[in-house]
């Protein structure tokens, strides 16, 4: 049985609320990338976690996985129009984080001067 979220915000969070999913989406905003490129840019994500998150985003219609029949096989990931429509959301999150940093975090850091 499909359980519907109580609010649309909850639906959005269930779709992309994992930190890795958001980072993958952000990485693909720059354009089509191969698995190794995404993994390299994200740093300490494991291959298993990256694969699971890419599959989940594909199932939810956020990205498209294209496999090219060649040796060795080449697989590329591209955001769908739905995925690209998340850009203003990510931009807003970034702006909020910058403001939060300035107001709450920066003053707690040791003086770097």
PDB file of N, CA and C in Angstrom:
ATOM      1  N   UNK A   1       0.829  -1.181   0.000  1.00  0.00           N
ATOM      2  CA  UNK A   1       0.000   0.000   0.000  1.00  0.00           C
ATOM      3  C   UNK A   1       0.881   1.254   0.000  1.00  0.00           C
ATOM      4  N   UNK A   2       0.561   2.197  -0.873  1.00  0.00           N
ATOM      5  CA  UNK A   2       1.309   3.434  -0.982  1.00  0.00           C
ATOM      6  C   UNK A   2       0.888   4.379   0.139  1.00  0.00           C
ATOM      7  N   UNK A   3       1.870   4.803   0.938  1.00  0.00           N
ATOM      8  CA  UNK A   3       1.587   5.727   2.029  1.00  0.00           C
ATOM      9  C   UNK A   3       1.875   7.145   1.557  1.00  0.00           C
ATOM     10  N   UNK A   4       0.838   7.964   1.536  1.00  0.00           N
ATOM     11  CA  UNK A   4       0.985   9.344   1.086  1.00  0.00           C
ATOM     12  C   UNK A   4       1.514  10.214   2.219  1.00  0.00           C
ATOM     13  N   UNK A   5       2.423  11.100   1.915  1.00  0.00           N
ATOM     14  CA  UNK A   5       2.920  12.020   2.947  1.00  0.00           C
ATOM     15  C   UNK A   5       1.821  12.975   3.378  1.00  0.00           C
ATOM     16  N   UNK A   6       1.957  13.494   4.590  1.00  0.00           N
ATOM     17  CA  UNK A   6       0.949  14.407   5.107  1.00  0.00           C
ATOM     18  C   UNK A   6       1.029  15.785   4.448  1.00  0.00           C
ATOM     19  N   UNK A   7       2.234  16.213   4.065  1.00  0.00           N
ATOM     20  CA  UNK A   7       2.386  17.522   3.433  1.00  0.00           C
ATOM     21  C   UNK A   7       3.252  17.395   2.186  1.00  0.00           C
ATOM     22  N   UNK A   8       3.190  18.403   1.350  1.00  0.00           N
ATOM     23  CA  UNK A   8       4.018  18.407   0.145  1.00  0.00           C
ATOM     24  C   UNK A   8       5.496  18.549   0.503  1.00  0.00           C
ATOM     25  N   UNK A   9       5.806  19.275   1.588  1.00  0.00           N
ATOM     26  CA  UNK A   9       7.197  19.395   2.029  1.00  0.00           C
ATOM     27  C   UNK A   9       7.721  18.020   2.421  1.00  0.00           C
ATOM     28  N   UNK A  10       6.887  17.242   3.101  1.00  0.00           N
ATOM     29  CA  UNK A  10       7.286  15.877   3.468  1.00  0.00           C
ATOM     30  C   UNK A  10       7.545  15.045   2.215  1.00  0.00           C
ATOM     31  N   UNK A  11       6.719  15.227   1.184  1.00  0.00           N
ATOM     32  CA  UNK A  11       6.926  14.488  -0.065  1.00  0.00           C
ATOM     33  C   UNK A  11       8.275  14.869  -0.681  1.00  0.00           C
ATOM     34  N   UNK A  12       8.585  16.159  -0.688  1.00  0.00           N
ATOM     35  CA  UNK A  12       9.867  16.609  -1.241  1.00  0.00           C
ATOM     36  C   UNK A  12      11.023  16.015  -0.452  1.00  0.00           C
ATOM     37  N   UNK A  13      10.906  16.018   0.872  1.00  0.00           N
ATOM     38  CA  UNK A  13      11.975  15.469   1.710  1.00  0.00           C
ATOM     39  C   UNK A  13      12.141  13.974   1.500  1.00  0.00           C
ATOM     40  N   UNK A  14      11.048  13.260   1.326  1.00  0.00           N
ATOM     41  CA  UNK A  14      11.147  11.818   1.087  1.00  0.00           C
ATOM     42  C   UNK A  14      11.768  11.523  -0.274  1.00  0.00           C
ATOM     43  N   UNK A  15      11.596  12.431  -1.223  1.00  0.00           N
ATOM     44  CA  UNK A  15      12.154  12.234  -2.557  1.00  0.00           C
ATOM     45  C   UNK A  15      13.640  12.528  -2.595  1.00  0.00           C
ATOM     46  N   UNK A  16      14.061  13.622  -1.958  1.00  0.00           N
ATOM     47  CA  UNK A  16      15.457  14.021  -2.066  1.00  0.00           C
ATOM     48  C   UNK A  16      16.068  14.425  -0.737  1.00  0.00           C
ATOM     49  N   UNK A  17      15.512  13.967   0.375  1.00  0.00           N
ATOM     50  CA  UNK A  17      15.927  14.429   1.688  1.00  0.00           C
ATOM     51  C   UNK A  17      17.232  13.873   2.217  1.00  0.00           C
ATOM     52  N   UNK A  18      17.832  12.970   1.540  1.00  0.00           N
ATOM     53  CA  UNK A  18      19.102  12.375   1.948  1.00  0.00           C
ATOM     54  C   UNK A  18      20.238  13.283   1.476  1.00  0.00           C
ATOM     55  N   UNK A  19      21.256  13.478   2.314  1.00  0.00           N
ATOM     56  CA  UNK A  19      22.333  14.404   1.934  1.00  0.00           C
ATOM     57  C   UNK A  19      23.017  13.990   0.639  1.00  0.00           C
ATOM     58  N   UNK A  20      23.190  12.683   0.430  1.00  0.00           N
ATOM     59  CA  UNK A  20      23.870  12.251  -0.788  1.00  0.00           C
ATOM     60  C   UNK A  20      23.031  12.540  -2.018  1.00  0.00           C
ATOM     61  N   UNK A  21      21.717  12.348  -1.913  1.00  0.00           N
ATOM     62  CA  UNK A  21      20.860  12.628  -3.071  1.00  0.00           C
ATOM     63  C   UNK A  21      20.952  14.097  -3.463  1.00  0.00           C
ATOM     64  N   UNK A  22      20.893  14.969  -2.477  1.00  0.00           N
ATOM     65  CA  UNK A  22      20.979  16.398  -2.752  1.00  0.00           C
ATOM     66  C   UNK A  22      22.328  16.731  -3.392  1.00  0.00           C
ATOM     67  N   UNK A  23      23.393  16.134  -2.882  1.00  0.00           N
ATOM     68  CA  UNK A  23      24.721  16.406  -3.432  1.00  0.00           C
ATOM     69  C   UNK A  23      24.870  15.852  -4.853  1.00  0.00           C
ATOM     70  N   UNK A  24      24.262  14.703  -5.123  1.00  0.00           N
ATOM     71  CA  UNK A  24      24.286  14.130  -6.476  1.00  0.00           C
ATOM     72  C   UNK A  24      23.540  15.055  -7.435  1.00  0.00           C
ATOM     73  N   UNK A  25      22.350  15.503  -7.023  1.00  0.00           N
ATOM     74  CA  UNK A  25      21.560  16.408  -7.858  1.00  0.00           C
ATOM     75  C   UNK A  25      22.352  17.682  -8.127  1.00  0.00           C
ATOM     76  N   UNK A  26      22.957  18.224  -7.096  1.00  0.00           N
ATOM     77  CA  UNK A  26      23.747  19.445  -7.243  1.00  0.00           C
ATOM     78  C   UNK A  26      24.901  19.220  -8.225  1.00  0.00           C
ATOM     79  N   UNK A  27      25.547  18.074  -8.121  1.00  0.00           N
ATOM     80  CA  UNK A  27      26.669  17.756  -9.015  1.00  0.00           C
ATOM     81  C   UNK A  27      26.205  17.656 -10.469  1.00  0.00           C
ATOM     82  N   UNK A  28      25.027  17.073 -10.690  1.00  0.00           N
ATOM     83  CA  UNK A  28      24.519  16.891 -12.048  1.00  0.00           C
ATOM     84  C   UNK A  28      23.915  18.165 -12.638  1.00  0.00           C
ATOM     85  N   UNK A  29      23.743  19.199 -11.813  1.00  0.00           N
ATOM     86  CA  UNK A  29      23.276  20.493 -12.337  1.00  0.00           C
ATOM     87  C   UNK A  29      24.272  21.035 -13.355  1.00  0.00           C
ATOM     88  N   UNK A  30      25.543  20.634 -13.222  1.00  0.00           N
ATOM     89  CA  UNK A  30      26.593  21.086 -14.136  1.00  0.00           C
ATOM     90  C   UNK A  30      26.517  20.378 -15.487  1.00  0.00           C
ATOM     91  N   UNK A  31      25.765  19.279 -15.558  1.00  0.00           N
ATOM     92  CA  UNK A  31      25.623  18.546 -16.808  1.00  0.00           C
ATOM     93  C   UNK A  31      25.833  17.053 -16.603  1.00  0.00           C
ATOM     94  N   UNK A  32      25.783  16.331 -17.688  1.00  0.00           N
ATOM     95  CA  UNK A  32      25.918  14.879 -17.698  1.00  0.00           C
ATOM     96  C   UNK A  32      27.277  14.462 -17.154  1.00  0.00           C
ATOM     97  N   UNK A  33      27.252  13.426 -16.316  1.00  0.00           N
ATOM     98  CA  UNK A  33      28.501  12.916 -15.744  1.00  0.00           C
ATOM     99  C   UNK A  33      28.464  11.394 -15.678  1.00  0.00           C
ATOM    100  N   UNK A  34      29.660  10.824 -15.675  1.00  0.00           N
ATOM    101  CA  UNK A  34      29.809   9.383 -15.507  1.00  0.00           C
ATOM    102  C   UNK A  34      29.916   9.070 -14.020  1.00  0.00           C
ATOM    103  N   UNK A  35      29.712   7.796 -13.685  1.00  0.00           N
ATOM    104  CA  UNK A  35      29.734   7.337 -12.297  1.00  0.00           C
ATOM    105  C   UNK A  35      31.018   7.765 -11.591  1.00  0.00           C
ATOM    106  N   UNK A  36      32.154   7.515 -12.220  1.00  0.00           N
ATOM    107  CA  UNK A  36      33.441   7.835 -11.611  1.00  0.00           C
ATOM    108  C   UNK A  36      33.619   9.320 -11.359  1.00  0.00           C
ATOM    109  N   UNK A  37      33.100  10.142 -12.250  1.00  0.00           N
ATOM    110  CA  UNK A  37      33.194  11.594 -12.067  1.00  0.00           C
ATOM    111  C   UNK A  37      32.380  12.039 -10.850  1.00  0.00           C
ATOM    112  N   UNK A  38      31.176  11.490 -10.730  1.00  0.00           N
ATOM    113  CA  UNK A  38      30.321  11.832  -9.588  1.00  0.00           C
ATOM    114  C   UNK A  38      30.984  11.391  -8.298  1.00  0.00           C
ATOM    115  N   UNK A  39      31.486  10.162  -8.290  1.00  0.00           N
ATOM    116  CA  UNK A  39      32.127   9.628  -7.083  1.00  0.00           C
ATOM    117  C   UNK A  39      33.328  10.474  -6.687  1.00  0.00           C
ATOM    118  N   UNK A  40      34.123  10.863  -7.644  1.00  0.00           N
ATOM    119  CA  UNK A  40      35.312  11.680  -7.371  1.00  0.00           C
ATOM    120  C   UNK A  40      34.920  13.029  -6.775  1.00  0.00           C
ATOM    121  N   UNK A  41      33.906  13.663  -7.330  1.00  0.00           N
ATOM    122  CA  UNK A  41      33.474  14.976  -6.852  1.00  0.00           C
ATOM    123  C   UNK A  41      32.865  14.913  -5.453  1.00  0.00           C
ATOM    124  N   UNK A  42      32.179  13.811  -5.133  1.00  0.00           N
ATOM    125  CA  UNK A  42      31.531  13.699  -3.827  1.00  0.00           C
ATOM    126  C   UNK A  42      32.493  13.268  -2.730  1.00  0.00           C
ATOM    127  N   UNK A  43      33.638  12.763  -3.104  1.00  0.00           N
ATOM    128  CA  UNK A  43      34.647  12.433  -2.092  1.00  0.00           C
ATOM    129  C   UNK A  43      34.413  11.121  -1.383  1.00  0.00           C
ATOM    130  N   UNK A  44      33.989  11.173  -0.127  1.00  0.00           N
ATOM    131  CA  UNK A  44      33.992   9.967   0.704  1.00  0.00           C
ATOM    132  C   UNK A  44      32.727   9.113   0.617  1.00  0.00           C
ATOM    133  N   UNK A  45      31.964   9.210  -0.445  1.00  0.00           N
ATOM    134  CA  UNK A  45      30.814   8.332  -0.634  1.00  0.00           C
ATOM    135  C   UNK A  45      31.309   6.974  -1.128  1.00  0.00           C
ATOM    136  N   UNK A  46      30.719   5.900  -0.623  1.00  0.00           N
ATOM    137  CA  UNK A  46      31.112   4.562  -1.088  1.00  0.00           C
ATOM    138  C   UNK A  46      30.415   4.257  -2.404  1.00  0.00           C
ATOM    139  N   UNK A  47      30.976   3.315  -3.139  1.00  0.00           N
ATOM    140  CA  UNK A  47      30.388   2.907  -4.410  1.00  0.00           C
ATOM    141  C   UNK A  47      28.978   2.364  -4.190  1.00  0.00           C
ATOM    142  N   UNK A  48      28.784   1.594  -3.137  1.00  0.00           N
ATOM    143  CA  UNK A  48      27.478   1.003  -2.831  1.00  0.00           C
ATOM    144  C   UNK A  48      26.430   2.084  -2.557  1.00  0.00           C
ATOM    145  N   UNK A  49      26.794   3.073  -1.753  1.00  0.00           N
ATOM    146  CA  UNK A  49      25.858   4.149  -1.408  1.00  0.00           C
ATOM    147  C   UNK A  49      25.552   4.998  -2.639  1.00  0.00           C
ATOM    148  N   UNK A  50      26.567   5.297  -3.435  1.00  0.00           N
ATOM    149  CA  UNK A  50      26.348   6.077  -4.648  1.00  0.00           C
ATOM    150  C   UNK A  50      25.425   5.333  -5.604  1.00  0.00           C
ATOM    151  N   UNK A  51      25.670   4.053  -5.805  1.00  0.00           N
ATOM    152  CA  UNK A  51      24.822   3.244  -6.692  1.00  0.00           C
ATOM    153  C   UNK A  51      23.376   3.245  -6.210  1.00  0.00           C
ATOM    154  N   UNK A  52      23.170   3.029  -4.916  1.00  0.00           N
ATOM    155  CA  UNK A  52      21.813   2.982  -4.356  1.00  0.00           C
ATOM    156  C   UNK A  52      21.094   4.321  -4.538  1.00  0.00           C
ATOM    157  N   UNK A  53      21.810   5.415  -4.313  1.00  0.00           N
ATOM    158  CA  UNK A  53      21.194   6.731  -4.450  1.00  0.00           C
ATOM    159  C   UNK A  53      20.902   7.082  -5.905  1.00  0.00           C
ATOM    160  N   UNK A  54      21.798   6.709  -6.810  1.00  0.00           N
ATOM    161  CA  UNK A  54      21.545   6.933  -8.235  1.00  0.00           C
ATOM    162  C   UNK A  54      20.323   6.142  -8.693  1.00  0.00           C
ATOM    163  N   UNK A  55      20.212   4.901  -8.261  1.00  0.00           N
ATOM    164  CA  UNK A  55      19.040   4.075  -8.620  1.00  0.00           C
ATOM    165  C   UNK A  55      17.754   4.693  -8.091  1.00  0.00           C
ATOM    166  N   UNK A  56      17.798   5.149  -6.845  1.00  0.00           N
ATOM    167  CA  UNK A  56      16.620   5.754  -6.231  1.00  0.00           C
ATOM    168  C   UNK A  56      16.190   7.011  -6.994  1.00  0.00           C
ATOM    169  N   UNK A  57      17.144   7.860  -7.340  1.00  0.00           N
ATOM    170  CA  UNK A  57      16.821   9.074  -8.083  1.00  0.00           C
ATOM    171  C   UNK A  57      16.298   8.758  -9.481  1.00  0.00           C
ATOM    172  N   UNK A  58      16.805   7.682 -10.078  1.00  0.00           N
ATOM    173  CA  UNK A  58      16.306   7.257 -11.389  1.00  0.00           C
ATOM    174  C   UNK A  58      14.866   6.768 -11.266  1.00  0.00           C
ATOM    175  N   UNK A  59      14.583   5.966 -10.251  1.00  0.00           N
ATOM    176  CA  UNK A  59      13.220   5.450 -10.030  1.00  0.00           C
ATOM    177  C   UNK A  59      12.225   6.581  -9.796  1.00  0.00           C
ATOM    178  N   UNK A  60      12.688   7.655  -9.185  1.00  0.00           N
ATOM    179  CA  UNK A  60      11.801   8.778  -8.862  1.00  0.00           C
ATOM    180  C   UNK A  60      11.705   9.788  -9.998  1.00  0.00           C
ATOM    181  N   UNK A  61      12.387   9.524 -11.111  1.00  0.00           N
ATOM    182  CA  UNK A  61      12.287  10.384 -12.276  1.00  0.00           C
ATOM    183  C   UNK A  61      13.130  11.646 -12.205  1.00  0.00           C
ATOM    184  N   UNK A  62      14.123  11.673 -11.297  1.00  0.00           N
ATOM    185  CA  UNK A  62      14.971  12.851 -11.124  1.00  0.00           C
ATOM    186  C   UNK A  62      16.148  12.832 -12.111  1.00  0.00           C
ATOM    187  N   UNK A  63      16.624  11.642 -12.445  1.00  0.00           N
ATOM    188  CA  UNK A  63      17.727  11.535 -13.404  1.00  0.00           C
ATOM    189  C   UNK A  63      17.501  10.375 -14.346  1.00  0.00           C
ATOM    190  N   UNK A  64      18.260  10.415 -15.423  1.00  0.00           N
ATOM    191  CA  UNK A  64      18.217   9.354 -16.436  1.00  0.00           C
ATOM    192  C   UNK A  64      19.588   8.699 -16.483  1.00  0.00           C
ATOM    193  N   UNK A  65      19.595   7.390 -16.527  1.00  0.00           N
ATOM    194  CA  UNK A  65      20.825   6.601 -16.651  1.00  0.00           C
ATOM    195  C   UNK A  65      20.884   6.101 -18.086  1.00  0.00           C
ATOM    196  N   UNK A  66      21.970   6.441 -18.778  1.00  0.00           N
ATOM    197  CA  UNK A  66      22.143   6.008 -20.161  1.00  0.00           C
ATOM    198  C   UNK A  66      23.340   5.080 -20.241  1.00  0.00           C
ATOM    199  N   UNK A  67      23.105   3.869 -20.767  1.00  0.00           N
ATOM    200  CA  UNK A  67      24.171   2.879 -20.918  1.00  0.00           C
ATOM    201  C   UNK A  67      24.524   2.782 -22.397  1.00  0.00           C
ATOM    202  N   UNK A  68      25.807   2.923 -22.696  1.00  0.00           N
ATOM    203  CA  UNK A  68      26.288   2.815 -24.064  1.00  0.00           C
ATOM    204  C   UNK A  68      26.911   1.442 -24.259  1.00  0.00           C
ATOM    205  N   UNK A  69      26.472   0.762 -25.299  1.00  0.00           N
ATOM    206  CA  UNK A  69      26.949  -0.589 -25.591  1.00  0.00           C
ATOM    207  C   UNK A  69      28.327  -0.520 -26.220  1.00  0.00           C
ATOM    208  N   UNK A  70      29.327  -0.515 -25.399  1.00  0.00           N
ATOM    209  CA  UNK A  70      30.708  -0.522 -25.861  1.00  0.00           C
ATOM    210  C   UNK A  70      31.552  -1.228 -24.803  1.00  0.00           C
ATOM    211  N   UNK A  71      32.789  -1.477 -25.138  1.00  0.00           N
ATOM    212  CA  UNK A  71      33.677  -2.144 -24.183  1.00  0.00           C
ATOM    213  C   UNK A  71      34.846  -1.212 -23.909  1.00  0.00           C
ATOM    214  N   UNK A  72      35.090  -0.861 -22.652  1.00  0.00           N
ATOM    215  CA  UNK A  72      34.245  -1.173 -21.496  1.00  0.00           C
ATOM    216  C   UNK A  72      32.941  -0.373 -21.552  1.00  0.00           C
ATOM    217  N   UNK A  73      31.904  -0.872 -20.868  1.00  0.00           N
ATOM    218  CA  UNK A  73      30.609  -0.173 -20.901  1.00  0.00           C
ATOM    219  C   UNK A  73      30.746   1.248 -20.357  1.00  0.00           C
ATOM    220  N   UNK A  74      30.006   2.159 -20.958  1.00  0.00           N
ATOM    221  CA  UNK A  74      30.000   3.543 -20.492  1.00  0.00           C
ATOM    222  C   UNK A  74      28.593   3.864 -20.018  1.00  0.00           C
ATOM    223  N   UNK A  75      28.476   4.402 -18.811  1.00  0.00           N
ATOM    224  CA  UNK A  75      27.188   4.776 -18.243  1.00  0.00           C
ATOM    225  C   UNK A  75      27.256   6.250 -17.867  1.00  0.00           C
ATOM    226  N   UNK A  76      26.234   6.994 -18.282  1.00  0.00           N
ATOM    227  CA  UNK A  76      26.176   8.412 -17.962  1.00  0.00           C
ATOM    228  C   UNK A  76      24.872   8.736 -17.254  1.00  0.00           C
ATOM    229  N   UNK A  77      24.931   9.746 -16.411  1.00  0.00           N
ATOM    230  CA  UNK A  77      23.769  10.184 -15.645  1.00  0.00           C
ATOM    231  C   UNK A  77      23.483  11.648 -15.983  1.00  0.00           C
ATOM    232  N   UNK A  78      22.214  11.927 -16.235  1.00  0.00           N
ATOM    233  CA  UNK A  78      21.768  13.266 -16.593  1.00  0.00           C
ATOM    234  C   UNK A  78      20.477  13.556 -15.846  1.00  0.00           C
ATOM    235  N   UNK A  79      20.325  14.773 -15.372  1.00  0.00           N
ATOM    236  CA  UNK A  79      19.070  15.153 -14.733  1.00  0.00           C
ATOM    237  C   UNK A  79      17.962  15.230 -15.773  1.00  0.00           C
ATOM    238  N   UNK A  80      16.764  14.869 -15.357  1.00  0.00           N
ATOM    239  CA  UNK A  80      15.582  15.066 -16.191  1.00  0.00           C
ATOM    240  C   UNK A  80      15.134  16.520 -16.023  1.00  0.00           C
ATOM    241  N   UNK A  81      14.112  16.921 -16.756  1.00  0.00           N
ATOM    242  CA  UNK A  81      13.551  18.259 -16.558  1.00  0.00           C
ATOM    243  C   UNK A  81      13.079  18.427 -15.123  1.00  0.00           C
ATOM    244  N   UNK A  82      12.513  17.363 -14.559  1.00  0.00           N
ATOM    245  CA  UNK A  82      12.086  17.396 -13.158  1.00  0.00           C
ATOM    246  C   UNK A  82      13.287  17.622 -12.243  1.00  0.00           C
ATOM    247  N   UNK A  83      14.394  16.969 -12.541  1.00  0.00           N
ATOM    248  CA  UNK A  83      15.609  17.152 -11.749  1.00  0.00           C
ATOM    249  C   UNK A  83      16.140  18.572 -11.850  1.00  0.00           C
ATOM    250  N   UNK A  84      16.176  19.109 -13.080  1.00  0.00           N
ATOM    251  CA  UNK A  84      16.651  20.482 -13.259  1.00  0.00           C
ATOM    252  C   UNK A  84      15.718  21.491 -12.588  1.00  0.00           C
ATOM    253  N   UNK A  85      14.447  21.131 -12.429  1.00  0.00           N
ATOM    254  CA  UNK A  85      13.511  22.052 -11.785  1.00  0.00           C
ATOM    255  C   UNK A  85      13.827  22.241 -10.299  1.00  0.00           C
ATOM    256  N   UNK A  86      14.721  21.422  -9.755  1.00  0.00           N
ATOM    257  CA  UNK A  86      15.140  21.566  -8.355  1.00  0.00           C
ATOM    258  C   UNK A  86      16.192  22.657  -8.159  1.00  0.00           C
ATOM    259  N   UNK A  87      16.692  23.240  -9.238  1.00  0.00           N
ATOM    260  CA  UNK A  87      17.737  24.264  -9.118  1.00  0.00           C
ATOM    261  C   UNK A  87      17.341  25.420  -8.203  1.00  0.00           C
ATOM    262  N   UNK A  88      16.154  26.008  -8.350  1.00  0.00           N
ATOM    263  CA  UNK A  88      15.806  27.106  -7.435  1.00  0.00           C
ATOM    264  C   UNK A  88      15.725  26.653  -5.972  1.00  0.00           C
ATOM    265  N   UNK A  89      15.340  25.422  -5.752  1.00  0.00           N
ATOM    266  CA  UNK A  89      15.286  24.880  -4.387  1.00  0.00           C
ATOM    267  C   UNK A  89      16.696  24.802  -3.810  1.00  0.00           C
ATOM    268  N   UNK A  90      17.626  24.245  -4.583  1.00  0.00           N
ATOM    269  CA  UNK A  90      19.012  24.133  -4.124  1.00  0.00           C
ATOM    270  C   UNK A  90      19.651  25.514  -3.959  1.00  0.00           C
ATOM    271  N   UNK A  91      19.338  26.434  -4.862  1.00  0.00           N
ATOM    272  CA  UNK A  91      19.864  27.798  -4.725  1.00  0.00           C
ATOM    273  C   UNK A  91      19.351  28.445  -3.445  1.00  0.00           C
ATOM    274  N   UNK A  92      18.078  28.226  -3.127  1.00  0.00           N
ATOM    275  CA  UNK A  92      17.507  28.769  -1.889  1.00  0.00           C
ATOM    276  C   UNK A  92      18.149  28.138  -0.661  1.00  0.00           C
ATOM    277  N   UNK A  93      18.396  26.836  -0.721  1.00  0.00           N
ATOM    278  CA  UNK A  93      19.056  26.151   0.398  1.00  0.00           C
ATOM    279  C   UNK A  93      20.462  26.711   0.601  1.00  0.00           C
ATOM    280  N   UNK A  94      21.163  26.959  -0.500  1.00  0.00           N
ATOM    281  CA  UNK A  94      22.515  27.509  -0.408  1.00  0.00           C
ATOM    282  C   UNK A  94      22.490  28.900   0.210  1.00  0.00           C
ATOM    283  N   UNK A  95      21.559  29.738  -0.241  1.00  0.00           N
ATOM    284  CA  UNK A  95      21.455  31.096   0.296  1.00  0.00           C
ATOM    285  C   UNK A  95      21.134  31.055   1.788  1.00  0.00           C
ATOM    286  N   UNK A  96      20.228  30.162   2.176  1.00  0.00           N
ATOM    287  CA  UNK A  96      19.880  30.023   3.592  1.00  0.00           C
ATOM    288  C   UNK A  96      21.097  29.580   4.399  1.00  0.00           C
ATOM    289  N   UNK A  97      21.848  28.617   3.878  1.00  0.00           N
ATOM    290  CA  UNK A  97      23.019  28.100   4.581  1.00  0.00           C
ATOM    291  C   UNK A  97      24.085  29.179   4.741  1.00  0.00           C
ATOM    292  N   UNK A  98      24.268  30.005   3.719  1.00  0.00           N
ATOM    293  CA  UNK A  98      25.244  31.092   3.810  1.00  0.00           C
ATOM    294  C   UNK A  98      24.841  32.090   4.894  1.00  0.00           C
ATOM    295  N   UNK A  99      23.561  32.423   4.949  1.00  0.00           N
ATOM    296  CA  UNK A  99      23.064  33.345   5.970  1.00  0.00           C
ATOM    297  C   UNK A  99      23.196  32.723   7.360  1.00  0.00           C
ATOM    298  N   UNK A 100      22.845  31.466   7.460  1.00  0.00           N
ATOM    299  CA  UNK A 100      22.956  30.758   8.742  1.00  0.00           C
ATOM    300  C   UNK A 100      24.409  30.739   9.213  1.00  0.00           C
ATOM    301  N   UNK A 101      25.306  30.448   8.298  1.00  0.00           N
ATOM    302  CA  UNK A 101      26.732  30.419   8.618  1.00  0.00           C
ATOM    303  C   UNK A 101      27.186  31.765   9.164  1.00  0.00           C
ATOM    304  N   UNK A 102      26.837  32.825   8.445  1.00  0.00           N
ATOM    305  CA  UNK A 102      27.254  34.173   8.855  1.00  0.00           C
ATOM    306  C   UNK A 102      26.703  34.534  10.237  1.00  0.00           C
ATOM    307  N   UNK A 103      25.469  34.163  10.516  1.00  0.00           N
ATOM    308  CA  UNK A 103      24.820  34.566  11.758  1.00  0.00           C
ATOM    309  C   UNK A 103      25.100  33.643  12.939  1.00  0.00           C
ATOM    310  N   UNK A 104      25.364  32.361  12.677  1.00  0.00           N
ATOM    311  CA  UNK A 104      25.427  31.408  13.785  1.00  0.00           C
ATOM    312  C   UNK A 104      26.715  30.601  13.900  1.00  0.00           C
ATOM    313  N   UNK A 105      27.391  30.380  12.813  1.00  0.00           N
ATOM    314  CA  UNK A 105      28.550  29.490  12.854  1.00  0.00           C
ATOM    315  C   UNK A 105      29.851  30.265  12.859  1.00  0.00           C
ATOM    316  N   UNK A 106      29.953  31.241  12.017  1.00  0.00           N
ATOM    317  CA  UNK A 106      31.199  31.981  11.847  1.00  0.00           C
ATOM    318  C   UNK A 106      31.740  32.524  13.182  1.00  0.00           C
ATOM    319  N   UNK A 107      30.845  33.039  14.013  1.00  0.00           N
ATOM    320  CA  UNK A 107      31.282  33.621  15.287  1.00  0.00           C
ATOM    321  C   UNK A 107      31.785  32.564  16.279  1.00  0.00           C
ATOM    322  N   UNK A 108      31.424  31.299  16.055  1.00  0.00           N
ATOM    323  CA  UNK A 108      31.856  30.224  16.945  1.00  0.00           C
ATOM    324  C   UNK A 108      33.215  29.655  16.589  1.00  0.00           C
ATOM    325  N   UNK A 109      33.674  29.946  15.365  1.00  0.00           N
ATOM    326  CA  UNK A 109      34.965  29.413  14.911  1.00  0.00           C
ATOM    327  C   UNK A 109      36.106  30.197  15.538  1.00  0.00           C
ATOM    328  N   UNK A 110      37.204  29.520  15.828  1.00  0.00           N
ATOM    329  CA  UNK A 110      38.368  30.251  16.364  1.00  0.00           C
ATOM    330  C   UNK A 110      38.850  31.285  15.357  1.00  0.00           C
ATOM    331  N   UNK A 111      39.392  32.360  15.868  1.00  0.00           N
ATOM    332  CA  UNK A 111      39.893  33.434  15.026  1.00  0.00           C
ATOM    333  C   UNK A 111      41.025  32.897  14.145  1.00  0.00           C
ATOM    334  N   UNK A 112      40.856  33.000  12.840  1.00  0.00           N
ATOM    335  CA  UNK A 112      41.838  32.457  11.889  1.00  0.00           C
ATOM    336  C   UNK A 112      42.833  33.526  11.438  1.00  0.00           C
ATOM    337  N   UNK A 113      42.705  34.742  11.958  1.00  0.00           N
ATOM    338  CA  UNK A 113      43.590  35.838  11.528  1.00  0.00           C
ATOM    339  C   UNK A 113      44.964  35.739  12.095  1.00  0.00           C
TER     340      UNK A 113
END
